[in-house]
Amino acid sequence: GRPDRTKVEISAVQYDSPGWDDRSRRSLNKEWVELTNTSSRTVNLDGWTLTNEDGDTYTFDHYRLEGRATVRIHTGYGHDTDSDLYMDRHNEVWDNYSDTATLRNDHDRFIDDASWGHHRHGGRHH
């Protein structure tokens, strides 16, 4: 039989950091995207990307997401752990009003996305 299809999805997005958007580490780390592996198998995310509408990209490096586990990718600085990864950025990545987070695998194949706000900007093509 065919093996289980691995299923990783964007399960939550905190695009508008609570409190002041003052670009502090604390504020930037309250902005995050969460990925959940809904299958029972570990998925190697090495080379996978998470991108916003402006093309700012975070690339996963030597990271494996365990089966039935969730990882939170924070915008700011920190020490990567199994459950929290950090983009190490000094500015917000996710627009508070409208944006799309897109997850692609290491072959640049579309996996999932999450949009908020009115993301239909006139004349914009992806």
C-alpha atoms as a PDB file:
ATOM      1  CA  GLY A   1       0.000   0.000   0.000  1.00  0.00           C
ATOM      2  CA  ARG A   2       0.935   3.627  -0.286  1.00  0.00           C
ATOM      3  CA  PRO A   3       2.504   5.231   2.766  1.00  0.00           C
ATOM      4  CA  ASP A   4       0.577   7.885   4.704  1.00  0.00           C
ATOM      5  CA  ARG A   5       0.724  11.251   3.043  1.00  0.00           C
ATOM      6  CA  THR A   6       2.544  13.519   5.437  1.00  0.00           C
ATOM      7  CA  LYS A   7       0.366  16.459   6.321  1.00  0.00           C
ATOM      8  CA  VAL A   8       1.806  19.677   7.634  1.00  0.00           C
ATOM      9  CA  GLU A   9      -0.497  22.663   7.840  1.00  0.00           C
ATOM     10  CA  ILE A  10      -0.508  26.245   9.047  1.00  0.00           C
ATOM     11  CA  SER A  11      -2.629  25.814  12.151  1.00  0.00           C
ATOM     12  CA  ALA A  12      -2.549  29.367  13.572  1.00  0.00           C
ATOM     13  CA  VAL A  13      -1.125  32.824  12.873  1.00  0.00           C
ATOM     14  CA  GLN A  14      -0.584  35.617  15.378  1.00  0.00           C
ATOM     15  CA  TYR A  15       0.124  38.407  12.897  1.00  0.00           C
ATOM     16  CA  ASP A  16      -0.693  41.390  15.094  1.00  0.00           C
ATOM     17  CA  SER A  17       1.563  41.238  18.136  1.00  0.00           C
ATOM     18  CA  PRO A  18      -0.442  42.043  21.298  1.00  0.00           C
ATOM     19  CA  GLY A  19       0.530  45.391  22.791  1.00  0.00           C
ATOM     20  CA  TRP A  20       2.833  47.860  21.103  1.00  0.00           C
ATOM     21  CA  ASP A  21       4.500  47.015  17.793  1.00  0.00           C
ATOM     22  CA  ASP A  22       7.737  48.568  19.023  1.00  0.00           C
ATOM     23  CA  ARG A  23      10.050  46.096  17.238  1.00  0.00           C
ATOM     24  CA  SER A  24      11.382  44.921  20.593  1.00  0.00           C
ATOM     25  CA  ARG A  25      12.385  41.284  20.870  1.00  0.00           C
ATOM     26  CA  ARG A  26       9.365  40.712  23.075  1.00  0.00           C
ATOM     27  CA  SER A  27       6.977  42.291  20.577  1.00  0.00           C
ATOM     28  CA  LEU A  28       8.533  40.499  17.575  1.00  0.00           C
ATOM     29  CA  ASN A  29       8.380  37.137  19.317  1.00  0.00           C
ATOM     30  CA  LYS A  30       4.642  37.574  19.962  1.00  0.00           C
ATOM     31  CA  GLU A  31       4.223  37.580  16.185  1.00  0.00           C
ATOM     32  CA  TRP A  32       4.289  33.972  14.949  1.00  0.00           C
ATOM     33  CA  VAL A  33       3.022  31.305  12.601  1.00  0.00           C
ATOM     34  CA  GLU A  34       2.241  27.835  13.909  1.00  0.00           C
ATOM     35  CA  LEU A  35       2.656  24.648  11.885  1.00  0.00           C
ATOM     36  CA  THR A  36       1.100  21.346  12.904  1.00  0.00           C
ATOM     37  CA  ASN A  37       2.007  17.891  11.624  1.00  0.00           C
ATOM     38  CA  THR A  38      -1.347  16.091  11.508  1.00  0.00           C
ATOM     39  CA  SER A  39       0.181  12.762  10.481  1.00  0.00           C
ATOM     40  CA  SER A  40       1.800  10.231  12.781  1.00  0.00           C
ATOM     41  CA  ARG A  41       5.152  10.388  10.961  1.00  0.00           C
ATOM     42  CA  THR A  42       7.996  12.797  11.580  1.00  0.00           C
ATOM     43  CA  VAL A  43       8.420  15.239   8.682  1.00  0.00           C
ATOM     44  CA  ASN A  44      11.831  16.618   7.723  1.00  0.00           C
ATOM     45  CA  LEU A  45      11.233  20.336   7.058  1.00  0.00           C
ATOM     46  CA  ASP A  46      14.837  20.994   5.989  1.00  0.00           C
ATOM     47  CA  GLY A  47      14.698  23.402   3.047  1.00  0.00           C
ATOM     48  CA  TRP A  48      10.969  24.166   3.453  1.00  0.00           C
ATOM     49  CA  THR A  49       9.997  27.859   3.314  1.00  0.00           C
ATOM     50  CA  LEU A  50       7.490  30.166   4.935  1.00  0.00           C
ATOM     51  CA  THR A  51       6.908  33.347   2.904  1.00  0.00           C
ATOM     52  CA  ASN A  52       4.796  36.500   3.180  1.00  0.00           C
ATOM     53  CA  GLU A  53       3.181  38.414   0.285  1.00  0.00           C
ATOM     54  CA  ASP A  54       6.226  40.702   0.007  1.00  0.00           C
ATOM     55  CA  GLY A  55       8.502  37.711  -0.522  1.00  0.00           C
ATOM     56  CA  ASP A  56      10.217  37.772   2.879  1.00  0.00           C
ATOM     57  CA  THR A  57      11.195  34.144   3.405  1.00  0.00           C
ATOM     58  CA  TYR A  58      12.142  31.978   6.353  1.00  0.00           C
ATOM     59  CA  THR A  59      13.882  28.722   5.380  1.00  0.00           C
ATOM     60  CA  PHE A  60      13.832  25.773   7.762  1.00  0.00           C
ATOM     61  CA  ASP A  61      17.286  24.435   8.477  1.00  0.00           C
ATOM     62  CA  HIS A  62      17.838  20.898   9.787  1.00  0.00           C
ATOM     63  CA  TYR A  63      14.469  20.764  11.521  1.00  0.00           C
ATOM     64  CA  ARG A  64      12.195  17.754  11.943  1.00  0.00           C
ATOM     65  CA  LEU A  65       8.590  18.126  13.056  1.00  0.00           C
ATOM     66  CA  GLU A  66       7.481  15.082  15.037  1.00  0.00           C
ATOM     67  CA  GLY A  67       4.176  13.358  14.289  1.00  0.00           C
ATOM     68  CA  ARG A  68       1.154  15.095  15.848  1.00  0.00           C
ATOM     69  CA  ALA A  69       3.390  17.977  16.974  1.00  0.00           C
ATOM     70  CA  THR A  70       3.204  21.750  16.539  1.00  0.00           C
ATOM     71  CA  VAL A  71       6.004  24.264  16.079  1.00  0.00           C
ATOM     72  CA  ARG A  72       5.715  28.033  16.446  1.00  0.00           C
ATOM     73  CA  ILE A  73       7.906  30.195  14.188  1.00  0.00           C
ATOM     74  CA  HIS A  74       8.513  33.548  15.876  1.00  0.00           C
ATOM     75  CA  THR A  75       9.583  36.653  13.941  1.00  0.00           C
ATOM     76  CA  GLY A  76      12.214  37.846  16.424  1.00  0.00           C
ATOM     77  CA  TYR A  77      15.334  36.423  18.070  1.00  0.00           C
ATOM     78  CA  GLY A  78      15.687  33.418  20.332  1.00  0.00           C
ATOM     79  CA  HIS A  79      17.145  29.956  20.742  1.00  0.00           C
ATOM     80  CA  ASP A  80      15.486  27.365  18.508  1.00  0.00           C
ATOM     81  CA  THR A  81      13.870  24.413  20.292  1.00  0.00           C
ATOM     82  CA  ASP A  82      11.646  21.547  19.136  1.00  0.00           C
ATOM     83  CA  SER A  83       8.531  23.667  19.688  1.00  0.00           C
ATOM     84  CA  ASP A  84       9.790  27.206  18.933  1.00  0.00           C
ATOM     85  CA  LEU A  85      11.863  28.486  16.012  1.00  0.00           C
ATOM     86  CA  TYR A  86      13.022  32.054  15.443  1.00  0.00           C
ATOM     87  CA  MET A  87      13.413  34.048  12.218  1.00  0.00           C
ATOM     88  CA  ASP A  88      15.955  36.377  13.870  1.00  0.00           C
ATOM     89  CA  ARG A  89      14.433  39.484  12.264  1.00  0.00           C
ATOM     90  CA  HIS A  90      14.455  43.073  13.519  1.00  0.00           C
ATOM     91  CA  ASN A  91      11.157  44.033  11.848  1.00  0.00           C
ATOM     92  CA  GLU A  92       7.677  42.577  11.665  1.00  0.00           C
ATOM     93  CA  VAL A  93       7.145  40.114   8.826  1.00  0.00           C
ATOM     94  CA  TRP A  94       3.376  39.657   8.864  1.00  0.00           C
ATOM     95  CA  ASP A  95       1.219  42.643   7.919  1.00  0.00           C
ATOM     96  CA  ASN A  96      -1.395  43.450  10.569  1.00  0.00           C
ATOM     97  CA  TYR A  97      -4.092  44.313   8.039  1.00  0.00           C
ATOM     98  CA  SER A  98      -3.745  41.778   5.256  1.00  0.00           C
ATOM     99  CA  ASP A  99      -1.141  39.240   4.266  1.00  0.00           C
ATOM    100  CA  THR A 100      -0.733  35.604   3.315  1.00  0.00           C
ATOM    101  CA  ALA A 101       1.643  33.119   4.920  1.00  0.00           C
ATOM    102  CA  THR A 102       2.621  30.446   2.376  1.00  0.00           C
ATOM    103  CA  LEU A 103       4.333  27.168   3.247  1.00  0.00           C
ATOM    104  CA  ARG A 104       6.274  25.326   0.520  1.00  0.00           C
ATOM    105  CA  ASN A 105       8.338  22.162   0.695  1.00  0.00           C
ATOM    106  CA  ASP A 106      11.973  21.712  -0.301  1.00  0.00           C
ATOM    107  CA  HIS A 107      10.882  21.153  -3.935  1.00  0.00           C
ATOM    108  CA  ASP A 108       9.028  24.514  -3.867  1.00  0.00           C
ATOM    109  CA  ARG A 109       5.684  22.703  -3.982  1.00  0.00           C
ATOM    110  CA  PHE A 110       2.743  24.465  -2.346  1.00  0.00           C
ATOM    111  CA  ILE A 111       1.786  22.851   0.973  1.00  0.00           C
ATOM    112  CA  ASP A 112      -0.560  25.304   2.704  1.00  0.00           C
ATOM    113  CA  ASP A 113      -1.317  28.978   3.176  1.00  0.00           C
ATOM    114  CA  ALA A 114      -3.229  31.215   5.545  1.00  0.00           C
ATOM    115  CA  SER A 115      -4.599  34.647   4.612  1.00  0.00           C
ATOM    116  CA  TRP A 116      -6.176  37.426   6.612  1.00  0.00           C
ATOM    117  CA  GLY A 117      -7.616  40.849   5.891  1.00  0.00           C
ATOM    118  CA  HIS A 118      -8.519  41.868   2.356  1.00  0.00           C
ATOM    119  CA  HIS A 119      -5.658  40.164   0.562  1.00  0.00           C
ATOM    120  CA  ARG A 120      -7.016  40.901  -2.914  1.00  0.00           C
ATOM    121  CA  HIS A 121      -4.791  43.844  -3.819  1.00  0.00           C
ATOM    122  CA  GLY A 122      -5.638  45.200  -7.261  1.00  0.00           C
ATOM    123  CA  GLY A 123      -3.129  44.267  -9.908  1.00  0.00           C
ATOM    124  CA  ARG A 124      -1.060  41.990  -7.703  1.00  0.00           C
ATOM    125  CA  HIS A 125      -0.196  38.596  -9.061  1.00  0.00           C
ATOM    126  CA  HIS A 126       1.503  35.739  -7.261  1.00  0.00           C
END
